[in-house]
Amino acid sequence: MSLMSLTFLLTSIGVFFVTDTDDLIVLLLLWLTAKNPRQKHAVVAGQYLGIMTLIAVAWIISRGIIHFNVVHWARWFGLIPLFLGIWGLKTWWQHRDATGLPSQLTKSIRWPLVWALTVSNGGDNLSIYIPYFTHLTTPQFISVCFVFLIMVGLWLLLSHQLAKSTIASRFFARFGAWLSPLLFIGIGLLILL
């Protein structure tokens, strides 16, 4: 591997790492909330589709085909986690004395929700992908896509392993009914602001 190839690879990994570190928290929350194989498959599918959507949008914008600011529009996706968090917190408050109340978000985990969370949390992705992609040729862009898709797999694996840890499970079992809605509200507000 030449020095240029190594630099290109490390730059691609760095761009992904910088823009997707916040996704680890969201993925951890989703893994802890997902209760069956269908929901776990939805986490994987939604995350991959969300990242591919962000890549496609950034590539199109970087090529000058679309001339409006999608980054500004992407923030309105923050209403989705904000609404889910408020709804989950309201439900928890109404049933706070009940034991073993499942999180309201458990029923909501489908690939469109995970996709929407990934895209709505992708304003920082677009702000870095767009200028980065403007300097890439088509073959380089395809290489970056492969690197990003491999990194998504690693992110999913890492967050899933963290979710399987006893500490994370116990913490979520004790505080998850009210903490997960608060996290979704926080994510929603961060995206909106």
C-alpha atoms as a PDB file:
ATOM      1  CA  MET A   1       0.000   0.000   0.000  1.00  0.00           C
ATOM      2  CA  SER A   2       1.460   3.326  -1.037  1.00  0.00           C
ATOM      3  CA  LEU A   3       1.707   6.310   1.281  1.00  0.00           C
ATOM      4  CA  MET A   4      -1.004   8.135  -0.703  1.00  0.00           C
ATOM      5  CA  SER A   5      -3.354   5.152  -0.404  1.00  0.00           C
ATOM      6  CA  LEU A   6      -2.700   4.886   3.328  1.00  0.00           C
ATOM      7  CA  THR A   7      -3.278   8.625   3.793  1.00  0.00           C
ATOM      8  CA  PHE A   8      -6.518   8.390   1.791  1.00  0.00           C
ATOM      9  CA  LEU A   9      -7.711   5.414   3.876  1.00  0.00           C
ATOM     10  CA  LEU A  10      -6.844   7.079   7.197  1.00  0.00           C
ATOM     11  CA  THR A  11      -8.521  10.322   6.106  1.00  0.00           C
ATOM     12  CA  SER A  12     -11.710   8.421   5.197  1.00  0.00           C
ATOM     13  CA  ILE A  13     -11.719   6.637   8.551  1.00  0.00           C
ATOM     14  CA  GLY A  14     -11.063   9.951  10.329  1.00  0.00           C
ATOM     15  CA  VAL A  15     -13.957  11.673   8.535  1.00  0.00           C
ATOM     16  CA  PHE A  16     -16.302   8.846   9.543  1.00  0.00           C
ATOM     17  CA  PHE A  17     -15.024   8.798  13.128  1.00  0.00           C
ATOM     18  CA  VAL A  18     -15.409  12.550  13.607  1.00  0.00           C
ATOM     19  CA  THR A  19     -18.936  12.665  12.179  1.00  0.00           C
ATOM     20  CA  ASP A  20     -20.358   9.441  13.652  1.00  0.00           C
ATOM     21  CA  THR A  21     -19.113   9.275  17.220  1.00  0.00           C
ATOM     22  CA  ASP A  22     -22.465  10.644  18.412  1.00  0.00           C
ATOM     23  CA  ASP A  23     -24.203   7.741  16.621  1.00  0.00           C
ATOM     24  CA  LEU A  24     -22.640   5.325  19.131  1.00  0.00           C
ATOM     25  CA  ILE A  25     -24.844   6.765  21.881  1.00  0.00           C
ATOM     26  CA  VAL A  26     -27.975   6.559  19.747  1.00  0.00           C
ATOM     27  CA  LEU A  27     -27.120   3.007  18.648  1.00  0.00           C
ATOM     28  CA  LEU A  28     -26.437   1.933  22.227  1.00  0.00           C
ATOM     29  CA  LEU A  29     -29.823   3.265  23.258  1.00  0.00           C
ATOM     30  CA  LEU A  30     -31.504   1.490  20.333  1.00  0.00           C
ATOM     31  CA  TRP A  31     -29.766  -1.835  21.078  1.00  0.00           C
ATOM     32  CA  LEU A  32     -30.798  -1.617  24.717  1.00  0.00           C
ATOM     33  CA  THR A  33     -34.379  -0.850  23.713  1.00  0.00           C
ATOM     34  CA  ALA A  34     -34.696  -3.476  20.946  1.00  0.00           C
ATOM     35  CA  LYS A  35     -36.319  -6.585  22.397  1.00  0.00           C
ATOM     36  CA  ASN A  36     -36.633  -9.027  19.506  1.00  0.00           C
ATOM     37  CA  PRO A  37     -34.700 -10.058  16.377  1.00  0.00           C
ATOM     38  CA  ARG A  38     -36.974  -8.023  14.113  1.00  0.00           C
ATOM     39  CA  GLN A  39     -36.191  -4.837  16.014  1.00  0.00           C
ATOM     40  CA  LYS A  40     -32.470  -5.660  16.045  1.00  0.00           C
ATOM     41  CA  HIS A  41     -32.548  -6.149  12.272  1.00  0.00           C
ATOM     42  CA  ALA A  42     -34.355  -2.792  12.053  1.00  0.00           C
ATOM     43  CA  VAL A  43     -31.465  -1.111  13.908  1.00  0.00           C
ATOM     44  CA  VAL A  44     -28.950  -2.518  11.419  1.00  0.00           C
ATOM     45  CA  ALA A  45     -31.052  -1.747   8.325  1.00  0.00           C
ATOM     46  CA  GLY A  46     -32.040   1.728   9.504  1.00  0.00           C
ATOM     47  CA  GLN A  47     -28.457   2.696  10.366  1.00  0.00           C
ATOM     48  CA  TYR A  48     -27.098   1.520   7.020  1.00  0.00           C
ATOM     49  CA  LEU A  49     -29.921   3.211   5.084  1.00  0.00           C
ATOM     50  CA  GLY A  50     -29.464   6.427   7.068  1.00  0.00           C
ATOM     51  CA  ILE A  51     -25.717   6.613   6.427  1.00  0.00           C
ATOM     52  CA  MET A  52     -26.213   5.745   2.741  1.00  0.00           C
ATOM     53  CA  THR A  53     -28.824   8.509   2.499  1.00  0.00           C
ATOM     54  CA  LEU A  54     -26.407  11.031   4.007  1.00  0.00           C
ATOM     55  CA  ILE A  55     -23.635   9.885   1.665  1.00  0.00           C
ATOM     56  CA  ALA A  56     -25.913  10.144  -1.389  1.00  0.00           C
ATOM     57  CA  VAL A  57     -27.215  13.595  -0.437  1.00  0.00           C
ATOM     58  CA  ALA A  58     -23.699  14.871   0.267  1.00  0.00           C
ATOM     59  CA  TRP A  59     -22.415  13.481  -3.045  1.00  0.00           C
ATOM     60  CA  ILE A  60     -25.272  15.058  -5.033  1.00  0.00           C
ATOM     61  CA  ILE A  61     -24.776  18.425  -3.343  1.00  0.00           C
ATOM     62  CA  SER A  62     -21.015  18.224  -3.770  1.00  0.00           C
ATOM     63  CA  ARG A  63     -21.507  17.739  -7.493  1.00  0.00           C
ATOM     64  CA  GLY A  64     -23.572  20.926  -7.724  1.00  0.00           C
ATOM     65  CA  ILE A  65     -26.825  19.228  -8.765  1.00  0.00           C
ATOM     66  CA  ILE A  66     -28.822  20.606  -5.848  1.00  0.00           C
ATOM     67  CA  HIS A  67     -28.356  24.283  -4.964  1.00  0.00           C
ATOM     68  CA  PHE A  68     -30.127  24.573  -1.639  1.00  0.00           C
ATOM     69  CA  ASN A  69     -28.920  24.034   1.899  1.00  0.00           C
ATOM     70  CA  VAL A  70     -29.980  20.539   2.957  1.00  0.00           C
ATOM     71  CA  VAL A  71     -28.000  20.835   6.190  1.00  0.00           C
ATOM     72  CA  HIS A  72     -30.473  23.507   7.337  1.00  0.00           C
ATOM     73  CA  TRP A  73     -33.437  21.294   6.452  1.00  0.00           C
ATOM     74  CA  ALA A  74     -31.956  18.194   8.115  1.00  0.00           C
ATOM     75  CA  ARG A  75     -32.253  19.782  11.534  1.00  0.00           C
ATOM     76  CA  TRP A  76     -36.066  19.599  11.379  1.00  0.00           C
ATOM     77  CA  PHE A  77     -35.741  15.824  11.610  1.00  0.00           C
ATOM     78  CA  GLY A  78     -34.912  16.556  15.250  1.00  0.00           C
ATOM     79  CA  LEU A  79     -38.656  16.809  15.839  1.00  0.00           C
ATOM     80  CA  ILE A  80     -38.885  12.996  15.518  1.00  0.00           C
ATOM     81  CA  PRO A  81     -36.708  12.041  18.526  1.00  0.00           C
ATOM     82  CA  LEU A  82     -38.045  15.063  20.436  1.00  0.00           C
ATOM     83  CA  PHE A  83     -41.656  13.897  19.956  1.00  0.00           C
ATOM     84  CA  LEU A  84     -40.799  10.272  20.818  1.00  0.00           C
ATOM     85  CA  GLY A  85     -38.949  11.400  23.939  1.00  0.00           C
ATOM     86  CA  ILE A  86     -41.800  13.621  25.144  1.00  0.00           C
ATOM     87  CA  TRP A  87     -44.305  10.833  24.487  1.00  0.00           C
ATOM     88  CA  GLY A  88     -42.133   8.273  26.317  1.00  0.00           C
ATOM     89  CA  LEU A  89     -41.603  10.611  29.282  1.00  0.00           C
ATOM     90  CA  LYS A  90     -45.325  11.334  29.491  1.00  0.00           C
ATOM     91  CA  THR A  91     -46.110   7.607  29.442  1.00  0.00           C
ATOM     92  CA  TRP A  92     -43.474   6.893  32.092  1.00  0.00           C
ATOM     93  CA  TRP A  93     -44.861   9.663  34.337  1.00  0.00           C
ATOM     94  CA  GLN A  94     -48.405   8.306  34.053  1.00  0.00           C
ATOM     95  CA  HIS A  95     -47.235   4.779  34.972  1.00  0.00           C
ATOM     96  CA  ARG A  96     -44.221   5.581  37.170  1.00  0.00           C
ATOM     97  CA  ASP A  97     -45.503   3.455  40.074  1.00  0.00           C
ATOM     98  CA  ALA A  98     -45.895   0.344  37.908  1.00  0.00           C
ATOM     99  CA  THR A  99     -43.061  -2.167  38.038  1.00  0.00           C
ATOM    100  CA  GLY A 100     -41.525  -3.592  34.928  1.00  0.00           C
ATOM    101  CA  LEU A 101     -43.033  -1.039  32.584  1.00  0.00           C
ATOM    102  CA  PRO A 102     -41.517  -1.553  29.150  1.00  0.00           C
ATOM    103  CA  SER A 103     -40.137   1.524  27.492  1.00  0.00           C
ATOM    104  CA  GLN A 104     -42.614   3.154  25.117  1.00  0.00           C
ATOM    105  CA  LEU A 105     -39.811   3.409  22.598  1.00  0.00           C
ATOM    106  CA  THR A 106     -39.620  -0.398  22.393  1.00  0.00           C
ATOM    107  CA  LYS A 107     -42.805  -0.445  20.341  1.00  0.00           C
ATOM    108  CA  SER A 108     -41.440   2.228  18.008  1.00  0.00           C
ATOM    109  CA  ILE A 109     -38.236   0.552  16.847  1.00  0.00           C
ATOM    110  CA  ARG A 110     -38.656   0.014  13.124  1.00  0.00           C
ATOM    111  CA  TRP A 111     -36.162   0.730  10.356  1.00  0.00           C
ATOM    112  CA  PRO A 112     -37.883   4.029   9.334  1.00  0.00           C
ATOM    113  CA  LEU A 113     -37.400   5.354  12.894  1.00  0.00           C
ATOM    114  CA  VAL A 114     -33.740   4.319  12.967  1.00  0.00           C
ATOM    115  CA  TRP A 115     -33.254   5.790   9.477  1.00  0.00           C
ATOM    116  CA  ALA A 116     -34.895   9.072  10.566  1.00  0.00           C
ATOM    117  CA  LEU A 117     -32.733   9.243  13.714  1.00  0.00           C
ATOM    118  CA  THR A 118     -29.584   8.624  11.690  1.00  0.00           C
ATOM    119  CA  VAL A 119     -30.471  11.226   9.061  1.00  0.00           C
ATOM    120  CA  SER A 120     -31.671  13.765  11.618  1.00  0.00           C
ATOM    121  CA  ASN A 121     -28.454  13.309  13.560  1.00  0.00           C
ATOM    122  CA  GLY A 122     -26.496  13.782  10.323  1.00  0.00           C
ATOM    123  CA  GLY A 123     -26.196  17.553  10.061  1.00  0.00           C
ATOM    124  CA  ASP A 124     -22.568  17.309  11.146  1.00  0.00           C
ATOM    125  CA  ASN A 125     -22.072  14.473   8.630  1.00  0.00           C
ATOM    126  CA  LEU A 126     -23.334  16.632   5.767  1.00  0.00           C
ATOM    127  CA  SER A 127     -21.291  19.642   6.858  1.00  0.00           C
ATOM    128  CA  ILE A 128     -18.101  17.554   6.594  1.00  0.00           C
ATOM    129  CA  TYR A 129     -19.031  15.087   3.818  1.00  0.00           C
ATOM    130  CA  ILE A 130     -19.972  17.810   1.314  1.00  0.00           C
ATOM    131  CA  PRO A 131     -16.637  19.666   1.295  1.00  0.00           C
ATOM    132  CA  TYR A 132     -14.718  16.372   1.564  1.00  0.00           C
ATOM    133  CA  PHE A 133     -16.584  14.851  -1.402  1.00  0.00           C
ATOM    134  CA  THR A 134     -15.944  17.905  -3.597  1.00  0.00           C
ATOM    135  CA  HIS A 135     -12.279  16.878  -3.770  1.00  0.00           C
ATOM    136  CA  LEU A 136     -12.940  13.242  -4.704  1.00  0.00           C
ATOM    137  CA  THR A 137     -13.032  11.625  -8.102  1.00  0.00           C
ATOM    138  CA  THR A 138     -15.748   9.022  -8.717  1.00  0.00           C
ATOM    139  CA  PRO A 139     -13.397   6.049  -8.043  1.00  0.00           C
ATOM    140  CA  GLN A 140     -12.196   7.719  -4.829  1.00  0.00           C
ATOM    141  CA  PHE A 141     -15.801   8.342  -3.787  1.00  0.00           C
ATOM    142  CA  ILE A 142     -16.628   4.644  -4.320  1.00  0.00           C
ATOM    143  CA  SER A 143     -13.628   3.716  -2.153  1.00  0.00           C
ATOM    144  CA  VAL A 144     -14.822   6.103   0.572  1.00  0.00           C
ATOM    145  CA  CYS A 145     -18.289   4.505   0.421  1.00  0.00           C
ATOM    146  CA  PHE A 146     -16.746   1.079   1.069  1.00  0.00           C
ATOM    147  CA  VAL A 147     -14.737   2.443   3.993  1.00  0.00           C
ATOM    148  CA  PHE A 148     -17.827   4.132   5.455  1.00  0.00           C
ATOM    149  CA  LEU A 149     -19.967   0.998   5.101  1.00  0.00           C
ATOM    150  CA  ILE A 150     -17.305  -1.099   6.831  1.00  0.00           C
ATOM    151  CA  MET A 151     -17.100   1.522   9.591  1.00  0.00           C
ATOM    152  CA  VAL A 152     -20.908   1.425  10.018  1.00  0.00           C
ATOM    153  CA  GLY A 153     -20.618  -2.326  10.567  1.00  0.00           C
ATOM    154  CA  LEU A 154     -17.896  -1.771  13.166  1.00  0.00           C
ATOM    155  CA  TRP A 155     -20.016   0.914  14.864  1.00  0.00           C
ATOM    156  CA  LEU A 156     -23.003  -1.451  14.993  1.00  0.00           C
ATOM    157  CA  LEU A 157     -20.832  -4.242  16.405  1.00  0.00           C
ATOM    158  CA  LEU A 158     -19.183  -2.006  18.998  1.00  0.00           C
ATOM    159  CA  SER A 159     -22.469  -0.480  20.186  1.00  0.00           C
ATOM    160  CA  HIS A 160     -24.103  -3.946  20.284  1.00  0.00           C
ATOM    161  CA  GLN A 161     -21.245  -5.305  22.420  1.00  0.00           C
ATOM    162  CA  LEU A 162     -21.556  -2.329  24.774  1.00  0.00           C
ATOM    163  CA  ALA A 163     -25.313  -2.937  25.036  1.00  0.00           C
ATOM    164  CA  LYS A 164     -24.711  -6.596  25.953  1.00  0.00           C
ATOM    165  CA  SER A 165     -22.501  -5.662  28.880  1.00  0.00           C
ATOM    166  CA  THR A 166     -24.017  -6.342  32.291  1.00  0.00           C
ATOM    167  CA  ILE A 167     -23.385  -2.807  33.498  1.00  0.00           C
ATOM    168  CA  ALA A 168     -25.251  -1.243  30.551  1.00  0.00           C
ATOM    169  CA  SER A 169     -28.137  -3.728  30.888  1.00  0.00           C
ATOM    170  CA  ARG A 170     -28.547  -3.150  34.628  1.00  0.00           C
ATOM    171  CA  PHE A 171     -28.282   0.588  34.224  1.00  0.00           C
ATOM    172  CA  PHE A 172     -30.917   0.574  31.462  1.00  0.00           C
ATOM    173  CA  ALA A 173     -33.225  -1.767  33.436  1.00  0.00           C
ATOM    174  CA  ARG A 174     -33.085   0.575  36.427  1.00  0.00           C
ATOM    175  CA  PHE A 175     -33.216   3.963  34.711  1.00  0.00           C
ATOM    176  CA  GLY A 176     -34.231   3.251  31.099  1.00  0.00           C
ATOM    177  CA  ALA A 177     -37.960   3.903  31.434  1.00  0.00           C
ATOM    178  CA  TRP A 178     -37.347   7.613  32.042  1.00  0.00           C
ATOM    179  CA  LEU A 179     -33.735   8.025  30.900  1.00  0.00           C
ATOM    180  CA  SER A 180     -34.244   6.867  27.307  1.00  0.00           C
ATOM    181  CA  PRO A 181     -37.032   9.417  26.680  1.00  0.00           C
ATOM    182  CA  LEU A 182     -34.785  12.126  28.182  1.00  0.00           C
ATOM    183  CA  LEU A 183     -31.937  11.072  25.879  1.00  0.00           C
ATOM    184  CA  PHE A 184     -34.238  11.210  22.867  1.00  0.00           C
ATOM    185  CA  ILE A 185     -35.433  14.688  23.936  1.00  0.00           C
ATOM    186  CA  GLY A 186     -31.788  15.766  24.309  1.00  0.00           C
ATOM    187  CA  ILE A 187     -30.875  14.369  20.890  1.00  0.00           C
ATOM    188  CA  GLY A 188     -33.903  16.076  19.352  1.00  0.00           C
ATOM    189  CA  LEU A 189     -33.015  19.444  20.905  1.00  0.00           C
ATOM    190  CA  LEU A 190     -29.353  19.144  19.867  1.00  0.00           C
ATOM    191  CA  ILE A 191     -30.426  18.451  16.298  1.00  0.00           C
ATOM    192  CA  LEU A 192     -32.948  21.322  16.256  1.00  0.00           C
ATOM    193  CA  LEU A 193     -30.584  23.849  17.812  1.00  0.00           C
END
